[in-house]
PDB file of N, CA and C in Angstrom:
ATOM      1  N   MET A   1     -26.921  -9.734-128.593  1.00  0.00           N
ATOM      2  CA  MET A   1     -28.324 -10.111-128.664  1.00  0.00           C
ATOM      3  C   MET A   1     -28.927 -10.262-127.270  1.00  0.00           C
ATOM      4  N   ARG A   2     -28.187 -10.911-126.377  1.00  0.00           N
ATOM      5  CA  ARG A   2     -28.673 -11.084-124.994  1.00  0.00           C
ATOM      6  C   ARG A   2     -28.878  -9.747-124.305  1.00  0.00           C
ATOM      7  N   VAL A   3     -27.951  -8.846-124.546  1.00  0.00           N
ATOM      8  CA  VAL A   3     -28.081  -7.526-123.903  1.00  0.00           C
ATOM      9  C   VAL A   3     -29.340  -6.812-124.395  1.00  0.00           C
ATOM     10  N   ALA A   4     -29.570  -6.908-125.721  1.00  0.00           N
ATOM     11  CA  ALA A   4     -30.743  -6.267-126.301  1.00  0.00           C
ATOM     12  C   ALA A   4     -32.027  -6.875-125.757  1.00  0.00           C
ATOM     13  N   LEU A   5     -32.076  -8.206-125.655  1.00  0.00           N
ATOM     14  CA  LEU A   5     -33.247  -8.881-125.104  1.00  0.00           C
ATOM     15  C   LEU A   5     -33.464  -8.458-123.621  1.00  0.00           C
ATOM     16  N   ALA A   6     -32.388  -8.388-122.871  1.00  0.00           N
ATOM     17  CA  ALA A   6     -32.479  -8.016-121.438  1.00  0.00           C
ATOM     18  C   ALA A   6     -33.026  -6.577-121.318  1.00  0.00           C
ATOM     19  N   GLU A   7     -32.586  -5.678-122.218  1.00  0.00           N
ATOM     20  CA  GLU A   7     -33.110  -4.317-122.174  1.00  0.00           C
ATOM     21  C   GLU A   7     -34.586  -4.277-122.540  1.00  0.00           C
ATOM     22  N   ILE A   8     -34.994  -5.021-123.514  1.00  0.00           N
ATOM     23  CA  ILE A   8     -36.394  -5.070-123.919  1.00  0.00           C
ATOM     24  C   ILE A   8     -37.219  -5.659-122.775  1.00  0.00           C
ATOM     25  N   TRP A   9     -36.706  -6.725-122.154  1.00  0.00           N
ATOM     26  CA  TRP A   9     -37.423  -7.310-121.039  1.00  0.00           C
ATOM     27  C   TRP A   9     -37.643  -6.264-119.934  1.00  0.00           C
ATOM     28  N   GLU A  10     -36.657  -5.550-119.560  1.00  0.00           N
ATOM     29  CA  GLU A  10     -36.780  -4.573-118.490  1.00  0.00           C
ATOM     30  C   GLU A  10     -37.794  -3.471-118.836  1.00  0.00           C
ATOM     31  N   ARG A  11     -37.870  -3.142-120.114  1.00  0.00           N
ATOM     32  CA  ARG A  11     -38.888  -2.116-120.502  1.00  0.00           C
ATOM     33  C   ARG A  11     -40.297  -2.702-120.497  1.00  0.00           C
ATOM     34  N   ARG A  12     -40.409  -3.950-120.811  1.00  0.00           N
ATOM     35  CA  ARG A  12     -41.764  -4.605-120.961  1.00  0.00           C
ATOM     36  C   ARG A  12     -42.159  -5.426-119.756  1.00  0.00           C
ATOM     37  N   ARG A  13     -41.236  -5.615-118.804  1.00  0.00           N
ATOM     38  CA  ARG A  13     -41.464  -6.487-117.679  1.00  0.00           C
ATOM     39  C   ARG A  13     -42.768  -6.251-116.931  1.00  0.00           C
ATOM     40  N   GLU A  14     -43.010  -5.018-116.582  1.00  0.00           N
ATOM     41  CA  GLU A  14     -44.201  -4.686-115.809  1.00  0.00           C
ATOM     42  C   GLU A  14     -45.477  -5.086-116.552  1.00  0.00           C
ATOM     43  N   ASP A  15     -45.534  -4.795-117.830  1.00  0.00           N
ATOM     44  CA  ASP A  15     -46.697  -5.141-118.632  1.00  0.00           C
ATOM     45  C   ASP A  15     -46.865  -6.640-118.726  1.00  0.00           C
ATOM     46  N   ILE A  16     -45.790  -7.354-118.944  1.00  0.00           N
ATOM     47  CA  ILE A  16     -45.858  -8.799-119.098  1.00  0.00           C
ATOM     48  C   ILE A  16     -46.262  -9.472-117.778  1.00  0.00           C
ATOM     49  N   VAL A  17     -45.643  -9.086-116.712  1.00  0.00           N
ATOM     50  CA  VAL A  17     -45.975  -9.654-115.397  1.00  0.00           C
ATOM     51  C   VAL A  17     -47.427  -9.262-115.041  1.00  0.00           C
ATOM     52  N   GLY A  18     -47.857  -8.080-115.455  1.00  0.00           N
ATOM     53  CA  GLY A  18     -49.230  -7.641-115.166  1.00  0.00           C
ATOM     54  C   GLY A  18     -50.294  -8.535-115.833  1.00  0.00           C
ATOM     55  N   ARG A  19     -49.928  -9.234-116.895  1.00  0.00           N
ATOM     56  CA  ARG A  19     -50.853 -10.141-117.511  1.00  0.00           C
ATOM     57  C   ARG A  19     -51.228 -11.320-116.617  1.00  0.00           C
ATOM     58  N   VAL A  20     -50.404 -11.626-115.688  1.00  0.00           N
ATOM     59  CA  VAL A  20     -50.671 -12.719-114.762  1.00  0.00           C
ATOM     60  C   VAL A  20     -51.936 -12.402-113.954  1.00  0.00           C
ATOM     61  N   ALA A  21     -52.259 -11.114-113.778  1.00  0.00           N
ATOM     62  CA  ALA A  21     -53.466 -10.736-113.064  1.00  0.00           C
ATOM     63  C   ALA A  21     -54.736 -11.298-113.722  1.00  0.00           C
ATOM     64  N   VAL A  22     -54.722 -11.427-115.046  1.00  0.00           N
ATOM     65  CA  VAL A  22     -55.879 -12.053-115.748  1.00  0.00           C
ATOM     66  C   VAL A  22     -56.029 -13.482-115.293  1.00  0.00           C
ATOM     67  N   LEU A  23     -54.903 -14.146-115.143  1.00  0.00           N
ATOM     68  CA  LEU A  23     -54.956 -15.565-114.692  1.00  0.00           C
ATOM     69  C   LEU A  23     -55.424 -15.646-113.246  1.00  0.00           C
ATOM     70  N   ASP A  24     -55.039 -14.713-112.409  1.00  0.00           N
ATOM     71  CA  ASP A  24     -55.526 -14.643-111.024  1.00  0.00           C
ATOM     72  C   ASP A  24     -57.070 -14.502-111.039  1.00  0.00           C
ATOM     73  N   GLU A  25     -57.575 -13.664-111.925  1.00  0.00           N
ATOM     74  CA  GLU A  25     -59.014 -13.427-112.047  1.00  0.00           C
ATOM     75  C   GLU A  25     -59.717 -14.731-112.490  1.00  0.00           C
ATOM     76  N   VAL A  26     -59.126 -15.418-113.410  1.00  0.00           N
ATOM     77  CA  VAL A  26     -59.720 -16.687-113.893  1.00  0.00           C
ATOM     78  C   VAL A  26     -59.786 -17.710-112.741  1.00  0.00           C
ATOM     79  N   ILE A  27     -58.691 -17.804-111.986  1.00  0.00           N
ATOM     80  CA  ILE A  27     -58.643 -18.745-110.895  1.00  0.00           C
ATOM     81  C   ILE A  27     -59.677 -18.420-109.827  1.00  0.00           C
ATOM     82  N   ALA A  28     -59.818 -17.159-109.503  1.00  0.00           N
ATOM     83  CA  ALA A  28     -60.821 -16.730-108.529  1.00  0.00           C
ATOM     84  C   ALA A  28     -62.220 -17.072-109.008  1.00  0.00           C
ATOM     85  N   ALA A  29     -62.518 -16.793-110.248  1.00  0.00           N
ATOM     86  CA  ALA A  29     -63.845 -17.073-110.821  1.00  0.00           C
ATOM     87  C   ALA A  29     -64.076 -18.602-110.857  1.00  0.00           C
ATOM     88  N   LEU A  30     -63.084 -19.365-111.214  1.00  0.00           N
ATOM     89  CA  LEU A  30     -63.218 -20.811-111.233  1.00  0.00           C
ATOM     90  C   LEU A  30     -63.544 -21.343-109.831  1.00  0.00           C
ATOM     91  N   GLY A  31     -62.802 -20.808-108.861  1.00  0.00           N
ATOM     92  CA  GLY A  31     -62.999 -21.292-107.456  1.00  0.00           C
ATOM     93  C   GLY A  31     -64.371 -20.949-106.917  1.00  0.00           C
ATOM     94  N   SER A  32     -64.956 -19.814-107.395  1.00  0.00           N
ATOM     95  CA  SER A  32     -66.265 -19.418-106.875  1.00  0.00           C
ATOM     96  C   SER A  32     -67.400 -19.926-107.791  1.00  0.00           C
ATOM     97  N   GLY A  33     -67.025 -20.629-108.891  1.00  0.00           N
ATOM     98  CA  GLY A  33     -68.055 -21.197-109.776  1.00  0.00           C
ATOM     99  C   GLY A  33     -68.641 -20.151-110.707  1.00  0.00           C
ATOM    100  N   THR A  34     -67.971 -19.049-110.902  1.00  0.00           N
ATOM    101  CA  THR A  34     -68.513 -17.951-111.728  1.00  0.00           C
ATOM    102  C   THR A  34     -67.696 -17.701-113.014  1.00  0.00           C
ATOM    103  N   LEU A  35     -66.876 -18.682-113.412  1.00  0.00           N
ATOM    104  CA  LEU A  35     -66.061 -18.537-114.606  1.00  0.00           C
ATOM    105  C   LEU A  35     -66.919 -18.535-115.841  1.00  0.00           C
ATOM    106  N   THR A  36     -66.858 -17.479-116.582  1.00  0.00           N
ATOM    107  CA  THR A  36     -67.650 -17.365-117.805  1.00  0.00           C
ATOM    108  C   THR A  36     -66.797 -17.855-118.990  1.00  0.00           C
ATOM    109  N   PRO A  37     -67.437 -18.232-120.079  1.00  0.00           N
ATOM    110  CA  PRO A  37     -66.659 -18.634-121.286  1.00  0.00           C
ATOM    111  C   PRO A  37     -65.727 -17.513-121.778  1.00  0.00           C
ATOM    112  N   ALA A  38     -66.187 -16.274-121.673  1.00  0.00           N
ATOM    113  CA  ALA A  38     -65.346 -15.145-122.156  1.00  0.00           C
ATOM    114  C   ALA A  38     -64.087 -14.999-121.300  1.00  0.00           C
ATOM    115  N   LEU A  39     -64.267 -15.151-119.975  1.00  0.00           N
ATOM    116  CA  LEU A  39     -63.086 -15.012-119.078  1.00  0.00           C
ATOM    117  C   LEU A  39     -62.173 -16.212-119.240  1.00  0.00           C
ATOM    118  N   ARG A  40     -62.742 -17.366-119.440  1.00  0.00           N
ATOM    119  CA  ARG A  40     -61.936 -18.576-119.695  1.00  0.00           C
ATOM    120  C   ARG A  40     -61.105 -18.372-120.979  1.00  0.00           C
ATOM    121  N   GLU A  41     -61.733 -17.858-121.996  1.00  0.00           N
ATOM    122  CA  GLU A  41     -61.046 -17.607-123.283  1.00  0.00           C
ATOM    123  C   GLU A  41     -59.945 -16.567-123.079  1.00  0.00           C
ATOM    124  N   ALA A  42     -60.236 -15.514-122.296  1.00  0.00           N
ATOM    125  CA  ALA A  42     -59.211 -14.495-122.036  1.00  0.00           C
ATOM    126  C   ALA A  42     -58.046 -15.094-121.292  1.00  0.00           C
ATOM    127  N   GLY A  43     -58.327 -15.971-120.348  1.00  0.00           N
ATOM    128  CA  GLY A  43     -57.269 -16.619-119.596  1.00  0.00           C
ATOM    129  C   GLY A  43     -56.404 -17.533-120.490  1.00  0.00           C
ATOM    130  N   ALA A  44     -57.043 -18.287-121.353  1.00  0.00           N
ATOM    131  CA  ALA A  44     -56.338 -19.148-122.269  1.00  0.00           C
ATOM    132  C   ALA A  44     -55.447 -18.348-123.239  1.00  0.00           C
ATOM    133  N   SER A  45     -55.987 -17.242-123.696  1.00  0.00           N
ATOM    134  CA  SER A  45     -55.267 -16.364-124.615  1.00  0.00           C
ATOM    135  C   SER A  45     -54.067 -15.748-123.896  1.00  0.00           C
ATOM    136  N   THR A  46     -54.318 -15.251-122.680  1.00  0.00           N
ATOM    137  CA  THR A  46     -53.200 -14.676-121.890  1.00  0.00           C
ATOM    138  C   THR A  46     -52.118 -15.711-121.627  1.00  0.00           C
ATOM    139  N   ALA A  47     -52.507 -16.933-121.260  1.00  0.00           N
ATOM    140  CA  ALA A  47     -51.530 -17.964-120.984  1.00  0.00           C
ATOM    141  C   ALA A  47     -50.732 -18.282-122.248  1.00  0.00           C
ATOM    142  N   HIS A  48     -51.388 -18.272-123.416  1.00  0.00           N
ATOM    143  CA  HIS A  48     -50.719 -18.536-124.684  1.00  0.00           C
ATOM    144  C   HIS A  48     -49.703 -17.423-124.953  1.00  0.00           C
ATOM    145  N   GLN A  49     -50.103 -16.197-124.733  1.00  0.00           N
ATOM    146  CA  GLN A  49     -49.173 -15.083-124.961  1.00  0.00           C
ATOM    147  C   GLN A  49     -47.943 -15.171-124.059  1.00  0.00           C
ATOM    148  N   LEU A  50     -48.226 -15.525-122.777  1.00  0.00           N
ATOM    149  CA  LEU A  50     -47.151 -15.644-121.811  1.00  0.00           C
ATOM    150  C   LEU A  50     -46.212 -16.799-122.159  1.00  0.00           C
ATOM    151  N   THR A  51     -46.770 -17.838-122.715  1.00  0.00           N
ATOM    152  CA  THR A  51     -45.918 -18.986-123.147  1.00  0.00           C
ATOM    153  C   THR A  51     -44.868 -18.527-124.129  1.00  0.00           C
ATOM    154  N   GLY A  52     -45.297 -17.802-125.135  1.00  0.00           N
ATOM    155  CA  GLY A  52     -44.366 -17.294-126.135  1.00  0.00           C
ATOM    156  C   GLY A  52     -43.437 -16.232-125.638  1.00  0.00           C
ATOM    157  N   THR A  53     -44.001 -15.289-124.917  1.00  0.00           N
ATOM    158  CA  THR A  53     -43.203 -14.155-124.428  1.00  0.00           C
ATOM    159  C   THR A  53     -42.125 -14.630-123.432  1.00  0.00           C
ATOM    160  N   ALA A  54     -42.519 -15.469-122.508  1.00  0.00           N
ATOM    161  CA  ALA A  54     -41.550 -15.964-121.516  1.00  0.00           C
ATOM    162  C   ALA A  54     -40.441 -16.742-122.174  1.00  0.00           C
ATOM    163  N   GLY A  55     -40.798 -17.545-123.152  1.00  0.00           N
ATOM    164  CA  GLY A  55     -39.760 -18.337-123.847  1.00  0.00           C
ATOM    165  C   GLY A  55     -38.838 -17.468-124.641  1.00  0.00           C
ATOM    166  N   THR A  56     -39.358 -16.418-125.278  1.00  0.00           N
ATOM    167  CA  THR A  56     -38.543 -15.490-126.044  1.00  0.00           C
ATOM    168  C   THR A  56     -37.454 -14.850-125.181  1.00  0.00           C
ATOM    169  N   PHE A  57     -37.821 -14.513-123.954  1.00  0.00           N
ATOM    170  CA  PHE A  57     -36.878 -13.820-123.064  1.00  0.00           C
ATOM    171  C   PHE A  57     -36.082 -14.760-122.204  1.00  0.00           C
ATOM    172  N   GLY A  58     -36.192 -16.092-122.479  1.00  0.00           N
ATOM    173  CA  GLY A  58     -35.355 -17.074-121.802  1.00  0.00           C
ATOM    174  C   GLY A  58     -35.944 -17.622-120.538  1.00  0.00           C
ATOM    175  N   PHE A  59     -37.158 -17.310-120.204  1.00  0.00           N
ATOM    176  CA  PHE A  59     -37.822 -17.838-119.019  1.00  0.00           C
ATOM    177  C   PHE A  59     -38.521 -19.130-119.396  1.00  0.00           C
ATOM    178  N   HIS A  60     -37.718 -20.184-119.564  1.00  0.00           N
ATOM    179  CA  HIS A  60     -38.242 -21.426-120.054  1.00  0.00           C
ATOM    180  C   HIS A  60     -39.201 -22.123-119.089  1.00  0.00           C
ATOM    181  N   ARG A  61     -38.894 -22.088-117.796  1.00  0.00           N
ATOM    182  CA  ARG A  61     -39.796 -22.680-116.789  1.00  0.00           C
ATOM    183  C   ARG A  61     -41.109 -21.896-116.804  1.00  0.00           C
ATOM    184  N   ALA A  62     -41.074 -20.603-116.864  1.00  0.00           N
ATOM    185  CA  ALA A  62     -42.276 -19.794-116.908  1.00  0.00           C
ATOM    186  C   ALA A  62     -43.093 -20.120-118.165  1.00  0.00           C
ATOM    187  N   SER A  63     -42.432 -20.323-119.260  1.00  0.00           N
ATOM    188  CA  SER A  63     -43.112 -20.733-120.497  1.00  0.00           C
ATOM    189  C   SER A  63     -43.802 -22.069-120.330  1.00  0.00           C
ATOM    190  N   ASP A  64     -43.152 -23.014-119.686  1.00  0.00           N
ATOM    191  CA  ASP A  64     -43.758 -24.311-119.458  1.00  0.00           C
ATOM    192  C   ASP A  64     -44.998 -24.201-118.542  1.00  0.00           C
ATOM    193  N   LEU A  65     -44.892 -23.396-117.519  1.00  0.00           N
ATOM    194  CA  LEU A  65     -46.033 -23.188-116.599  1.00  0.00           C
ATOM    195  C   LEU A  65     -47.207 -22.535-117.309  1.00  0.00           C
ATOM    196  N   ALA A  66     -46.915 -21.528-118.137  1.00  0.00           N
ATOM    197  CA  ALA A  66     -47.963 -20.861-118.867  1.00  0.00           C
ATOM    198  C   ALA A  66     -48.631 -21.808-119.848  1.00  0.00           C
ATOM    199  N   ARG A  67     -47.849 -22.686-120.438  1.00  0.00           N
ATOM    200  CA  ARG A  67     -48.388 -23.688-121.366  1.00  0.00           C
ATOM    201  C   ARG A  67     -49.344 -24.642-120.636  1.00  0.00           C
ATOM    202  N   LEU A  68     -48.953 -25.041-119.424  1.00  0.00           N
ATOM    203  CA  LEU A  68     -49.864 -25.902-118.621  1.00  0.00           C
ATOM    204  C   LEU A  68     -51.220 -25.201-118.386  1.00  0.00           C
ATOM    205  N   LEU A  69     -51.136 -23.909-118.067  1.00  0.00           N
ATOM    206  CA  LEU A  69     -52.381 -23.160-117.840  1.00  0.00           C
ATOM    207  C   LEU A  69     -53.191 -23.021-119.151  1.00  0.00           C
ATOM    208  N   GLU A  70     -52.487 -22.784-120.236  1.00  0.00           N
ATOM    209  CA  GLU A  70     -53.178 -22.676-121.536  1.00  0.00           C
ATOM    210  C   GLU A  70     -53.942 -23.966-121.821  1.00  0.00           C
ATOM    211  N   HIS A  71     -53.313 -25.089-121.631  1.00  0.00           N
ATOM    212  CA  HIS A  71     -53.991 -26.338-121.900  1.00  0.00           C
ATOM    213  C   HIS A  71     -55.143 -26.617-120.927  1.00  0.00           C
ATOM    214  N   ALA A  72     -54.932 -26.226-119.667  1.00  0.00           N
ATOM    215  CA  ALA A  72     -56.006 -26.411-118.668  1.00  0.00           C
ATOM    216  C   ALA A  72     -57.231 -25.561-118.989  1.00  0.00           C
ATOM    217  N   LEU A  73     -57.002 -24.407-119.607  1.00  0.00           N
ATOM    218  CA  LEU A  73     -58.099 -23.496-119.956  1.00  0.00           C
ATOM    219  C   LEU A  73     -58.660 -23.678-121.345  1.00  0.00           C
ATOM    220  N   ALA A  74     -58.147 -24.643-122.070  1.00  0.00           N
ATOM    221  CA  ALA A  74     -58.640 -24.932-123.442  1.00  0.00           C
ATOM    222  C   ALA A  74     -60.113 -25.271-123.385  1.00  0.00           C
ATOM    223  N   ASP A  75     -60.802 -24.966-124.486  1.00  0.00           N
ATOM    224  CA  ASP A  75     -62.246 -25.189-124.547  1.00  0.00           C
ATOM    225  C   ASP A  75     -62.668 -26.614-124.228  1.00  0.00           C
ATOM    226  N   ASP A  76     -61.854 -27.557-124.614  1.00  0.00           N
ATOM    227  CA  ASP A  76     -62.262 -28.953-124.427  1.00  0.00           C
ATOM    228  C   ASP A  76     -61.809 -29.537-123.080  1.00  0.00           C
ATOM    229  N   ALA A  77     -61.096 -28.760-122.282  1.00  0.00           N
ATOM    230  CA  ALA A  77     -60.633 -29.260-120.960  1.00  0.00           C
ATOM    231  C   ALA A  77     -61.754 -29.154-119.960  1.00  0.00           C
ATOM    232  N   GLN A  78     -61.872 -30.194-119.117  1.00  0.00           N
ATOM    233  CA  GLN A  78     -62.877 -30.170-118.075  1.00  0.00           C
ATOM    234  C   GLN A  78     -62.360 -29.389-116.883  1.00  0.00           C
ATOM    235  N   LEU A  79     -63.130 -28.420-116.459  1.00  0.00           N
ATOM    236  CA  LEU A  79     -62.754 -27.578-115.308  1.00  0.00           C
ATOM    237  C   LEU A  79     -63.889 -27.624-114.279  1.00  0.00           C
ATOM    238  N   ASP A  80     -63.493 -27.693-113.036  1.00  0.00           N
ATOM    239  CA  ASP A  80     -64.443 -27.497-111.979  1.00  0.00           C
ATOM    240  C   ASP A  80     -63.763 -26.772-110.848  1.00  0.00           C
ATOM    241  N   PRO A  81     -64.497 -26.258-109.864  1.00  0.00           N
ATOM    242  CA  PRO A  81     -63.903 -25.458-108.817  1.00  0.00           C
ATOM    243  C   PRO A  81     -62.749 -26.137-108.069  1.00  0.00           C
ATOM    244  N   SER A  82     -62.732 -27.447-108.051  1.00  0.00           N
ATOM    245  CA  SER A  82     -61.680 -28.152-107.357  1.00  0.00           C
ATOM    246  C   SER A  82     -60.298 -27.976-108.058  1.00  0.00           C
ATOM    247  N   CYS A  83     -60.334 -27.596-109.313  1.00  0.00           N
ATOM    248  CA  CYS A  83     -59.073 -27.353-110.051  1.00  0.00           C
ATOM    249  C   CYS A  83     -58.396 -26.053-109.672  1.00  0.00           C
ATOM    250  N   SER A  84     -59.159 -25.159-109.020  1.00  0.00           N
ATOM    251  CA  SER A  84     -58.627 -23.821-108.776  1.00  0.00           C
ATOM    252  C   SER A  84     -57.379 -23.799-107.894  1.00  0.00           C
ATOM    253  N   ALA A  85     -57.318 -24.703-106.888  1.00  0.00           N
ATOM    254  CA  ALA A  85     -56.179 -24.696-105.997  1.00  0.00           C
ATOM    255  C   ALA A  85     -54.883 -25.035-106.748  1.00  0.00           C
ATOM    256  N   SER A  86     -54.902 -26.106-107.513  1.00  0.00           N
ATOM    257  CA  SER A  86     -53.684 -26.505-108.232  1.00  0.00           C
ATOM    258  C   SER A  86     -53.332 -25.476-109.306  1.00  0.00           C
ATOM    259  N   MET A  87     -54.370 -24.927-109.989  1.00  0.00           N
ATOM    260  CA  MET A  87     -54.082 -23.908-110.987  1.00  0.00           C
ATOM    261  C   MET A  87     -53.542 -22.625-110.326  1.00  0.00           C
ATOM    262  N   GLY A  88     -54.031 -22.346-109.154  1.00  0.00           N
ATOM    263  CA  GLY A  88     -53.512 -21.167-108.396  1.00  0.00           C
ATOM    264  C   GLY A  88     -52.070 -21.338-108.046  1.00  0.00           C
ATOM    265  N   GLU A  89     -51.671 -22.570-107.722  1.00  0.00           N
ATOM    266  CA  GLU A  89     -50.255 -22.828-107.383  1.00  0.00           C
ATOM    267  C   GLU A  89     -49.390 -22.646-108.645  1.00  0.00           C
ATOM    268  N   THR A  90     -49.936 -23.066-109.771  1.00  0.00           N
ATOM    269  CA  THR A  90     -49.216 -22.910-111.022  1.00  0.00           C
ATOM    270  C   THR A  90     -49.032 -21.413-111.362  1.00  0.00           C
ATOM    271  N   VAL A  91     -50.075 -20.640-111.164  1.00  0.00           N
ATOM    272  CA  VAL A  91     -50.002 -19.179-111.404  1.00  0.00           C
ATOM    273  C   VAL A  91     -48.985 -18.557-110.485  1.00  0.00           C
ATOM    274  N   LEU A  92     -48.979 -18.960-109.226  1.00  0.00           N
ATOM    275  CA  LEU A  92     -48.011 -18.430-108.272  1.00  0.00           C
ATOM    276  C   LEU A  92     -46.583 -18.784-108.691  1.00  0.00           C
ATOM    277  N   ALA A  93     -46.378 -20.002-109.142  1.00  0.00           N
ATOM    278  CA  ALA A  93     -45.039 -20.394-109.615  1.00  0.00           C
ATOM    279  C   ALA A  93     -44.648 -19.609-110.848  1.00  0.00           C
ATOM    280  N   LEU A  94     -45.636 -19.360-111.750  1.00  0.00           N
ATOM    281  CA  LEU A  94     -45.353 -18.577-112.932  1.00  0.00           C
ATOM    282  C   LEU A  94     -44.934 -17.145-112.525  1.00  0.00           C
ATOM    283  N   ARG A  95     -45.617 -16.544-111.621  1.00  0.00           N
ATOM    284  CA  ARG A  95     -45.299 -15.214-111.164  1.00  0.00           C
ATOM    285  C   ARG A  95     -43.915 -15.177-110.574  1.00  0.00           C
ATOM    286  N   ARG A  96     -43.557 -16.194-109.772  1.00  0.00           N
ATOM    287  CA  ARG A  96     -42.218 -16.249-109.167  1.00  0.00           C
ATOM    288  C   ARG A  96     -41.128 -16.341-110.248  1.00  0.00           C
ATOM    289  N   GLU A  97     -41.375 -17.136-111.255  1.00  0.00           N
ATOM    290  CA  GLU A  97     -40.419 -17.282-112.369  1.00  0.00           C
ATOM    291  C   GLU A  97     -40.218 -15.950-113.091  1.00  0.00           C
ATOM    292  N   LEU A  98     -41.309 -15.260-113.347  1.00  0.00           N
ATOM    293  CA  LEU A  98     -41.209 -13.972-114.068  1.00  0.00           C
ATOM    294  C   LEU A  98     -40.627 -12.873-113.204  1.00  0.00           C
ATOM    295  N   ASP A  99     -40.626 -13.065-111.903  1.00  0.00           N
ATOM    296  CA  ASP A  99     -40.025 -12.059-110.997  1.00  0.00           C
ATOM    297  C   ASP A  99     -38.514 -12.201-110.903  1.00  0.00           C
ATOM    298  N   ARG A 100     -37.975 -13.282-111.438  1.00  0.00           N
ATOM    299  CA  ARG A 100     -36.533 -13.482-111.384  1.00  0.00           C
ATOM    300  C   ARG A 100     -35.833 -12.547-112.362  1.00  0.00           C
ATOM    301  N   PRO A 101     -34.562 -12.323-112.172  1.00  0.00           N
ATOM    302  CA  PRO A 101     -33.803 -11.529-113.162  1.00  0.00           C
ATOM    303  C   PRO A 101     -33.799 -12.223-114.499  1.00  0.00           C
ATOM    304  N   ALA A 102     -33.746 -11.472-115.539  1.00  0.00           N
ATOM    305  CA  ALA A 102     -33.710 -12.019-116.930  1.00  0.00           C
ATOM    306  C   ALA A 102     -32.506 -12.949-117.050  1.00  0.00           C
ATOM    307  N   PRO A 103     -32.732 -14.137-117.661  1.00  0.00           N
ATOM    308  CA  PRO A 103     -31.611 -15.072-117.866  1.00  0.00           C
ATOM    309  C   PRO A 103     -30.550 -14.495-118.776  1.00  0.00           C
TER     310      PRO A 103
END
């Protein structure tokens, strides 16, 4: 089972890690004060997908980081440009976790 998951991860890795770019876009827009509701929703959805995907492939820390971002981007969460720095650090940590070899 682990071997099969590792093989699937390697085939899908680039696509999955590429989703983090959406979160980068969200952080940039938040920092500049131009975050739209549609982009915020896209970021929350992406973070939700990454939470599940990372967990499925054994990247539990990445899953936890994506979950933090998902909650931060939820409709009822208060966001202002000052949040962008800490959220950016979370995205960077998420990217680092996903760049590690599959567990």
